[in-house]
């Protein structure tokens, strides 16, 4: 299951992780986000133990979104050692997300 990243836990769970991190920036009202959401959950299950997969609700946690310059959602960033190594904007196939996460492993 995907982690719910918040302003309070983002640094500890995402930036300090020794594993690659996939962060899905989304909102309840976003149609394409609802298409990507189940794919992110599948990836969270498939990469359990190998990577951290989580979501940031941009309406509830605008500070994280602002820090990464998120202007459109869904945006998915890939972190390694606390640094952004890749990014995907818009609704994309699961295979593309898995490929980018694999590259960060």
Protein backbone atom coordinates (compact mmCIF):
# COMPACT_ATOMS: atom_id res chain seq x y z
CA UNK A 1 0.00 0.00 0.00
CA UNK A 2 1.24 3.48 -0.88
CA UNK A 3 2.42 5.70 1.97
CA UNK A 4 0.53 8.97 2.59
CA UNK A 5 3.29 11.59 2.61
CA UNK A 6 2.57 14.68 4.72
CA UNK A 7 4.44 17.85 5.63
CA UNK A 8 5.28 16.13 8.93
CA UNK A 9 6.68 12.84 7.58
CA UNK A 10 8.03 13.68 4.11
CA UNK A 11 11.61 14.38 5.13
CA UNK A 12 11.87 11.25 7.28
CA UNK A 13 10.10 8.81 4.91
CA UNK A 14 11.10 10.19 1.50
CA UNK A 15 14.22 12.33 1.72
CA UNK A 16 16.10 10.18 4.25
CA UNK A 17 15.15 6.84 2.68
CA UNK A 18 17.97 4.51 1.71
CA UNK A 19 15.69 3.13 -1.03
CA UNK A 20 14.43 4.87 -4.18
CA UNK A 21 11.18 6.78 -3.65
CA UNK A 22 8.23 7.31 -6.00
CA UNK A 23 6.10 10.32 -5.02
CA UNK A 24 2.69 10.76 -6.67
CA UNK A 25 1.37 14.35 -6.41
CA UNK A 26 -2.43 14.20 -6.76
CA UNK A 27 -5.80 15.70 -5.69
CA UNK A 28 -9.31 14.32 -5.14
CA UNK A 29 -10.80 16.48 -7.92
CA UNK A 30 -8.23 15.45 -10.56
CA UNK A 31 -9.59 12.97 -13.12
CA UNK A 32 -6.23 11.79 -14.50
CA UNK A 33 -5.03 11.35 -10.90
CA UNK A 34 -7.82 8.83 -10.35
CA UNK A 35 -6.54 6.90 -13.38
CA UNK A 36 -2.94 6.86 -12.11
CA UNK A 37 -3.83 6.15 -8.45
CA UNK A 38 -4.53 2.42 -8.86
CA UNK A 39 -1.30 1.99 -10.87
CA UNK A 40 0.67 3.63 -8.06
CA UNK A 41 -0.96 1.23 -5.57
CA UNK A 42 0.00 -1.77 -7.75
CA UNK A 43 3.60 -0.53 -7.95
CA UNK A 44 3.62 0.00 -4.16
CA UNK A 45 2.71 -3.68 -3.70
CA UNK A 46 5.12 -4.96 -6.36
CA UNK A 47 8.09 -2.93 -5.06
CA UNK A 48 7.42 -3.54 -1.37
CA UNK A 49 10.79 -3.82 0.36
CA UNK A 50 12.67 -2.50 -2.70
CA UNK A 51 11.34 1.06 -2.91
CA UNK A 52 9.14 3.52 -1.03
CA UNK A 53 5.97 4.43 -2.95
CA UNK A 54 3.76 7.21 -1.69
CA UNK A 55 1.32 9.98 -2.47
CA UNK A 56 1.09 13.67 -1.64
CA UNK A 57 -2.34 15.31 -1.68
CA UNK A 58 -1.48 18.74 -3.13
CA UNK A 59 -4.49 20.39 -1.49
CA UNK A 60 -3.59 19.15 2.00
CA UNK A 61 0.21 19.51 1.72
CA UNK A 62 0.99 22.50 -0.54
CA UNK A 63 4.45 23.03 0.97
CA UNK A 64 5.84 19.80 -0.51
CA UNK A 65 4.23 20.58 -3.87
CA UNK A 66 5.72 24.10 -3.86
CA UNK A 67 9.18 22.80 -2.95
CA UNK A 68 9.21 20.61 -6.08
CA UNK A 69 7.53 23.17 -8.35
CA UNK A 70 4.49 21.01 -9.04
CA UNK A 71 2.27 22.95 -11.45
CA UNK A 72 0.13 20.21 -12.95
CA UNK A 73 -1.08 16.91 -11.58
CA UNK A 74 -0.65 14.07 -11.62
CA UNK A 75 3.10 14.58 -11.38
CA UNK A 76 5.27 11.73 -10.18
CA UNK A 77 8.83 12.34 -9.06
CA UNK A 78 11.47 9.72 -8.41
CA UNK A 79 13.94 10.36 -5.58
CA UNK A 80 17.24 8.68 -4.83
CA UNK A 81 19.27 9.73 -1.79
CA UNK A 82 16.87 12.65 -1.35
CA UNK A 83 17.47 14.03 -4.85
CA UNK A 84 15.08 14.07 -7.82
CA UNK A 85 16.41 11.67 -10.46
CA UNK A 86 13.38 11.52 -12.77
CA UNK A 87 9.89 12.94 -13.24
CA UNK A 88 6.68 12.04 -15.04
CA UNK A 89 3.82 14.48 -15.71
CA UNK A 90 0.29 13.45 -16.62
CA UNK A 91 -1.42 10.08 -16.85
CA UNK A 92 1.16 7.58 -18.06
CA UNK A 93 1.19 3.79 -18.38
CA UNK A 94 2.27 1.68 -15.41
CA UNK A 95 5.14 0.26 -17.48
CA UNK A 96 6.64 3.76 -17.83
CA UNK A 97 6.47 4.34 -14.06
CA UNK A 98 8.01 0.92 -13.34
CA UNK A 99 10.78 1.58 -15.86
CA UNK A 100 11.71 4.88 -14.18
CA UNK A 101 11.60 3.29 -10.73
CA UNK A 102 13.74 0.37 -11.93
CA UNK A 103 16.33 2.86 -13.19
CA UNK A 104 16.56 4.32 -9.68
CA UNK A 105 17.02 0.94 -7.98
